Protein backbone atom coordinates (compact mmCIF):
# COMPACT_ATOMS: atom_id res chain seq x y z
CA MET A 1 155.87 68.38 176.39
CA CYS A 2 158.75 69.64 178.47
CA VAL A 3 157.46 73.17 178.77
CA PHE A 4 154.11 72.68 180.47
CA GLU A 5 154.42 69.55 182.59
CA GLU A 6 155.74 69.86 186.14
CA LYS A 7 157.89 66.74 185.76
CA ILE A 8 158.81 64.47 182.85
CA ASP A 9 157.32 60.98 183.19
CA GLU A 10 158.75 57.71 181.85
CA ALA A 11 156.59 57.69 178.73
CA THR A 12 157.72 61.19 177.83
CA LEU A 13 161.35 60.18 178.34
CA GLU A 14 160.97 57.28 175.89
CA LYS A 15 159.45 59.63 173.31
CA LEU A 16 162.35 62.04 173.81
CA GLN A 17 164.88 59.26 173.31
CA ALA A 18 163.12 58.16 170.13
CA PHE A 19 162.97 61.76 168.99
CA GLU A 20 166.70 62.17 169.65
CA PHE A 21 167.48 59.07 167.57
CA ALA A 22 165.25 60.24 164.70
CA PHE A 23 166.89 63.64 164.66
CA SER A 24 170.45 62.55 165.36
CA ASP A 25 171.70 64.71 162.52
CA SER A 26 169.73 67.79 163.55
CA ASP A 27 171.18 71.10 164.68
CA GLY A 28 172.92 71.59 168.00
CA GLU A 29 170.13 73.64 169.53
CA THR A 30 167.64 70.78 169.19
CA LYS A 31 170.12 68.34 170.70
CA SER A 32 170.75 70.70 173.60
CA PHE A 33 167.06 70.91 174.47
CA LEU A 34 166.75 67.13 174.24
CA SER A 35 169.73 66.70 176.55
CA LEU A 36 168.28 69.11 179.09
CA ALA A 37 164.95 67.27 179.07
CA MET A 38 166.53 63.83 179.46
CA VAL A 39 168.81 64.95 182.31
CA ALA A 40 165.79 66.55 184.00
CA ARG A 41 163.89 63.27 183.89
CA GLN A 42 166.80 61.11 184.98
CA ASN A 43 167.65 63.33 187.96
CA ASN A 44 164.13 64.29 189.06
CA TYR A 45 164.29 67.99 188.19
CA VAL A 46 161.24 70.27 188.36
CA ARG A 47 159.97 73.13 186.23
CA PRO A 48 160.87 76.47 187.85
CA THR A 49 158.51 79.40 188.04
CA LEU A 50 159.95 82.60 186.61
CA THR A 51 158.65 85.88 187.95
CA THR A 52 159.29 89.56 187.39
CA GLU A 53 159.61 90.05 191.15
CA PRO A 54 163.28 90.29 192.31
CA ILE A 55 163.00 87.26 194.61
CA LEU A 56 164.49 83.82 194.92
CA ASP A 57 162.69 80.94 196.63
CA ILE A 58 164.19 77.46 196.23
CA HIS A 59 162.95 74.46 198.18
CA ASN A 60 165.46 71.62 198.67
CA GLY A 61 167.85 72.83 196.01
CA ARG A 62 170.72 70.59 194.88
CA HIS A 63 173.99 70.96 193.00
CA VAL A 64 173.73 69.50 189.50
CA LEU A 65 177.18 67.86 189.56
CA GLN A 66 177.94 67.32 193.25
CA GLU A 67 174.87 65.17 193.79
CA MET A 68 176.15 62.78 191.10
CA ILE A 69 179.47 62.03 192.79
CA VAL A 70 178.49 61.63 196.45
CA ASP A 71 176.54 58.84 198.12
CA THR A 72 174.15 61.23 199.87
CA PHE A 73 173.58 64.85 198.95
CA ILE A 74 171.95 67.12 201.54
CA PRO A 75 169.62 69.65 199.83
CA ASN A 76 169.14 73.17 201.16
CA ASP A 77 166.51 75.88 200.88
CA SER A 78 167.21 79.39 199.62
CA LYS A 79 164.86 82.27 200.25
CA ILE A 80 165.74 85.86 199.35
CA LEU A 81 162.80 88.23 199.39
CA SER A 82 162.54 92.02 199.45
CA ASP A 83 164.53 92.23 202.71
CA GLY A 84 167.63 90.35 203.72
CA ARG A 85 169.11 90.24 200.24
CA ILE A 86 172.69 90.10 201.53
CA ASN A 87 173.39 86.65 202.96
CA ILE A 88 176.68 86.10 204.82
CA ILE A 89 177.55 82.42 205.27
CA THR A 90 180.18 81.16 207.69
CA GLY A 91 181.22 77.67 208.68
CA PRO A 92 184.11 75.22 208.64
CA ASN A 93 186.08 74.19 205.60
CA TYR A 94 184.59 71.05 204.01
CA SER A 95 181.13 72.01 205.28
CA GLY A 96 179.56 72.81 201.90
CA LYS A 97 179.50 76.64 201.76
CA SER A 98 180.95 76.95 198.27
CA ILE A 99 178.80 74.12 196.92
CA TYR A 100 175.72 75.84 198.31
CA ILE A 101 176.25 79.24 196.68
CA LYS A 102 177.26 77.59 193.40
CA GLN A 103 174.10 75.46 193.37
CA VAL A 104 171.99 78.59 193.82
CA ALA A 105 173.71 80.24 190.85
CA LEU A 106 173.33 77.11 188.71
CA ILE A 107 169.61 76.84 189.48
CA VAL A 108 169.12 80.49 188.53
CA PHE A 109 171.13 80.00 185.33
CA LEU A 110 169.28 76.81 184.31
CA SER A 111 165.95 78.54 184.90
CA HIS A 112 166.86 81.24 182.41
CA ILE A 113 167.94 78.90 179.60
CA GLY A 114 164.69 76.94 179.67
CA SER A 115 165.81 73.95 181.72
CA PHE A 116 164.19 72.19 184.64
CA VAL A 117 166.16 72.57 187.88
CA PRO A 118 167.44 70.26 190.66
CA ALA A 119 165.00 71.13 193.45
CA ASP A 120 161.60 70.23 194.84
CA ALA A 121 160.27 73.66 193.83
CA ALA A 122 161.80 76.92 192.65
CA THR A 123 160.53 80.44 192.10
CA VAL A 124 163.20 82.52 190.41
CA GLY A 125 163.04 86.24 189.76
CA LEU A 126 164.29 87.39 186.36
CA THR A 127 168.04 87.90 186.68
CA ASP A 128 170.04 90.14 184.37
CA ARG A 129 173.54 89.03 185.41
CA ILE A 130 175.34 86.55 187.65
CA PHE A 131 178.58 87.97 189.05
CA CYS A 132 181.18 85.66 190.62
CA ALA A 133 184.29 86.32 192.69
CA MET A 134 185.25 82.73 193.46
CA GLY A 135 189.04 82.80 193.54
CA SER A 136 189.35 81.52 189.97
CA LYS A 137 192.82 80.87 188.60
CA LEU A 138 193.13 81.85 184.96
CA MET A 139 196.34 80.36 183.61
CA THR A 140 196.43 82.83 180.72
CA ALA A 141 195.97 85.89 182.92
CA GLU A 142 199.12 87.73 184.01
CA GLN A 143 197.57 88.51 187.38
CA SER A 144 197.51 87.01 190.84
CA THR A 145 194.40 85.26 192.14
CA PHE A 146 193.78 88.17 194.50
CA MET A 147 194.03 90.72 191.67
CA ILE A 148 191.55 88.69 189.62
CA ASP A 149 189.19 88.72 192.61
CA LEU A 150 189.54 92.49 192.88
CA HIS A 151 188.69 92.98 189.21
CA GLN A 152 185.65 90.72 189.54
CA VAL A 153 184.39 92.48 192.67
CA GLY A 154 185.03 95.88 191.09
CA MET A 155 182.92 94.94 188.08
CA MET A 156 180.26 93.57 190.42
CA LEU A 157 180.06 96.81 192.40
CA ARG A 158 179.91 98.98 189.28
CA GLN A 159 177.40 97.00 187.22
CA ALA A 160 175.16 94.95 189.54
CA THR A 161 171.49 95.92 189.68
CA SER A 162 168.60 94.87 191.88
CA ARG A 163 168.02 91.96 189.47
CA SER A 164 171.60 90.68 189.68
CA LEU A 165 172.97 87.73 191.66
CA CYS A 166 176.41 88.26 193.23
CA LEU A 167 178.61 85.47 194.65
CA LEU A 168 181.68 86.16 196.80
CA ASP A 169 183.62 83.14 198.02
CA GLU A 170 186.39 83.94 200.52
CA PHE A 171 186.96 87.40 199.09
CA GLY A 172 189.79 89.12 200.99
CA LYS A 173 191.74 86.03 202.01
CA GLY A 174 194.45 86.54 199.37
CA THR A 175 196.12 89.45 201.16
CA LEU A 176 197.05 90.61 204.66
CA THR A 177 194.23 89.75 207.07
CA GLU A 178 193.58 93.37 208.05
CA ASP A 179 193.36 94.46 204.41
CA GLY A 180 191.07 91.54 203.58
CA ILE A 181 188.71 92.38 206.44
CA GLY A 182 188.58 96.00 205.33
CA LEU A 183 187.88 95.14 201.69
CA LEU A 184 185.18 92.61 202.53
CA GLY A 185 183.56 94.90 205.09
CA GLY A 186 183.65 97.81 202.65
CA THR A 187 182.07 95.70 199.89
CA ILE A 188 179.23 94.54 202.12
CA ASN A 189 178.65 98.08 203.39
CA TYR A 190 178.46 99.29 199.78
CA PHE A 191 175.67 96.82 199.08
CA CYS A 192 173.92 97.77 202.34
CA ALA A 193 174.00 101.45 201.39
CA SER A 194 172.14 100.75 198.15
CA ASP A 195 168.41 101.47 198.19
CA ASP A 196 167.71 98.38 196.10
CA PRO A 197 170.71 96.02 196.38
CA PRO A 198 171.25 92.86 194.33
CA LYS A 199 170.92 89.37 195.78
CA VAL A 200 174.31 88.70 197.40
CA LEU A 201 175.76 85.44 198.77
CA VAL A 202 179.01 85.79 200.72
CA CYS A 203 181.10 82.90 202.10
CA THR A 204 183.85 83.92 204.50
CA HIS A 205 186.13 82.87 207.35
CA LEU A 206 186.87 86.51 208.23
CA THR A 207 184.58 86.57 211.25
CA GLU A 208 186.13 89.85 212.41
CA ILE A 209 183.64 91.65 210.15
CA PHE A 210 180.88 90.75 212.61
CA THR A 211 181.92 93.57 214.93
CA GLU A 212 179.51 96.52 214.78
CA SER A 213 182.33 98.94 213.93
CA CYS A 214 183.10 96.93 210.78
CA LEU A 215 179.62 95.86 209.75
CA PRO A 216 176.74 97.97 211.11
CA LYS A 217 173.44 96.24 211.78
CA SER A 218 171.10 96.25 208.80
CA GLU A 219 167.83 94.57 207.90
CA LYS A 220 169.33 93.92 204.48
CA VAL A 221 171.87 91.46 205.95
CA LYS A 222 171.13 87.93 207.13
CA PHE A 223 173.62 85.52 208.67
CA TYR A 224 173.78 81.79 208.03
CA THR A 225 176.14 78.96 208.85
CA MET A 226 176.65 75.32 207.90
CA SER A 227 175.62 73.26 210.91
CA VAL A 228 178.15 71.05 212.70
CA LEU A 229 177.59 68.28 215.23
CA GLN A 230 180.32 68.43 217.85
CA PRO A 231 180.99 66.82 221.25
CA GLU A 232 179.94 68.48 224.48
CA ASN A 233 183.42 69.76 225.26
CA ASN A 234 183.14 72.07 222.21
CA SER A 235 186.58 71.02 221.00
CA ALA A 236 187.58 72.25 217.56
CA ASP A 237 190.26 69.65 216.85
CA THR A 238 188.63 66.39 217.80
CA GLU A 239 187.91 63.51 215.45
CA ASP A 240 184.26 63.38 216.59
CA ILE A 241 183.13 66.49 214.69
CA ILE A 242 180.48 65.72 212.07
CA PHE A 243 179.55 68.09 209.24
CA LEU A 244 175.81 68.10 208.56
CA TYR A 245 175.93 70.18 205.32
CA ARG A 246 172.72 71.93 206.38
CA LEU A 247 172.32 75.70 206.09
CA VAL A 248 170.90 77.25 209.28
CA PRO A 249 170.61 80.82 210.61
CA GLY A 250 173.48 82.01 212.78
CA HIS A 251 177.23 82.58 212.93
CA ALA A 252 180.22 80.24 213.09
CA LEU A 253 183.30 81.64 214.83
CA LEU A 254 185.42 78.51 214.33
CA SER A 255 186.78 77.05 211.09
CA TYR A 256 187.74 73.64 212.50
CA GLY A 257 190.91 73.81 210.42
CA LEU A 258 192.70 71.13 212.44
CA HIS A 259 189.85 68.69 211.96
CA CYS A 260 189.87 69.40 208.23
CA ALA A 261 193.61 68.76 208.16
CA LEU A 262 192.96 65.43 209.85
CA LEU A 263 190.39 64.53 207.19
CA ALA A 264 192.88 65.50 204.48
CA GLY A 265 195.49 63.07 205.83
CA VAL A 266 197.95 65.56 207.32
CA PRO A 267 200.36 63.64 209.65
CA ASP A 268 199.39 63.50 213.32
CA GLU A 269 202.61 65.16 214.51
CA VAL A 270 201.86 68.21 212.36
CA ILE A 271 198.31 68.46 213.73
CA LYS A 272 199.50 68.06 217.32
CA ARG A 273 202.07 70.81 216.87
CA ALA A 274 199.45 73.05 215.22
CA ALA A 275 197.06 72.44 218.14
CA HIS A 276 199.79 73.43 220.60
CA VAL A 277 200.60 76.64 218.72
CA LEU A 278 196.89 77.49 218.39
CA ASP A 279 196.26 76.93 222.10
CA SER A 280 199.25 79.12 223.05
CA ILE A 281 198.10 81.97 220.82
CA ARG A 282 194.52 81.80 222.09
CA ASN A 283 195.70 81.96 225.71
CA ASN A 284 198.28 84.67 225.00
CA LYS A 285 201.15 82.38 225.97
CA ARG A 286 204.63 82.05 224.55
CA VAL A 287 204.82 79.29 221.95
CA ALA A 288 207.13 76.66 223.40
CA ARG A 289 209.97 75.46 221.22
CA LEU A 290 209.38 72.17 219.47
CA ASN A 291 210.77 69.33 221.58
CA ASN A 292 212.73 67.37 219.01
CA GLN A 293 215.48 64.87 219.92
CA ASN A 294 217.80 66.01 217.14
CA ILE A 295 217.36 69.66 218.09
CA SER A 296 217.93 68.84 221.77
CA ALA A 297 221.14 66.98 220.95
CA HIS A 298 222.46 69.97 219.00
CA ASP A 299 221.49 72.30 221.84
CA GLN A 300 223.53 70.20 224.26
CA GLN A 301 226.55 70.33 221.95
CA TYR A 302 226.26 74.11 221.61
CA GLN A 303 225.87 74.50 225.38
CA ALA A 304 228.96 72.37 226.00
CA ALA A 305 230.98 74.43 223.51
CA LEU A 306 229.79 77.68 225.14
CA ASP A 307 230.72 76.42 228.63
CA LYS A 308 234.19 75.43 227.39
CA MET A 309 234.74 78.86 225.83
CA LEU A 310 233.68 80.66 229.01
CA ALA A 311 235.97 78.50 231.12
CA PHE A 312 239.00 79.01 228.84
CA ASP A 313 241.87 81.06 230.27
CA VAL A 314 243.16 83.18 227.38
CA LEU A 315 246.38 84.02 229.26
CA LYS A 316 247.42 80.51 230.25
CA GLY A 317 245.47 78.25 227.92
CA ASP A 318 246.71 76.64 224.70
CA LEU A 319 244.59 77.97 221.80
CA ASN A 320 245.58 75.14 219.43
CA THR A 321 244.45 72.52 221.91
CA PHE A 322 241.31 74.50 222.67
CA PHE A 323 240.11 74.70 219.06
CA ARG A 324 241.10 71.10 218.36
CA ASP A 325 238.94 69.95 221.28
CA LEU A 326 236.13 72.30 220.19
CA LEU A 327 235.76 70.78 216.70
CA PRO A 328 233.56 67.84 217.80
CA TYR A 329 230.95 70.33 219.00
CA GLU A 330 230.53 71.82 215.53
CA SER A 331 227.50 70.64 213.55
């Protein structure tokens, strides 16, 4: 029943539930297939089409878990054909980049284990491996997060084929910015140099790779971003920014980090100071010292002590009296 029908209707679901009850003591494999079928019916999944062509075409794909915990989930399309197999995705934090690439991988994985998938339609090319460099933290591994990423990317570069799916989420951010840009740019160039590269999804904030010297133009590379609705003044730290969670072609040169900090509940004084520092750096200005009352009071004490020392006559003055009077200026 589950194999040939496009969707599972209510009558089929009731039969599956009765079947599950009748075979409650059956083996785990049977229970697993029953669970997949019931979840597919309850969450409106569709039967994917598997093909030997190395393509991926998903219409209104969703994340199997994220859609269950949010009030409204915004689906997105995914289309990777013979060209443009390397997709570079930029956009703000909180905008849904990581969820998007994970949902693509989950749909591909579910298709290969015989499950229906969370989408309106899906054509999935046979995939031999799914490689991930997602910044995972393995508590048992005696390695840093960045070293784990390097091992995962190294394995990806050595073993990925044209039928593989490769996910890189913020690869290069765990080290010095210049080194991270070089590693990410080198990885993407390696895929571009391949005659038949795998399907690659890259999420990054390292927008410096967009320069032609770092990432040459190639028909194998397509650029996407998560759309953002912002006010006319194009401000990056205003409360009026709205994330639309919709994947669209293009680049995003801003991460809207201050707005994300505001959403996360970071105190206003921290955000205001961060905005000041950011504005000074962007305009190549000296970062002004923080104007704090306690710091200003100490500065006045130190200035008074310095003036007293400069005015002191070492030949005629009384050192004991001088240092006794100087003690109140000490912090």
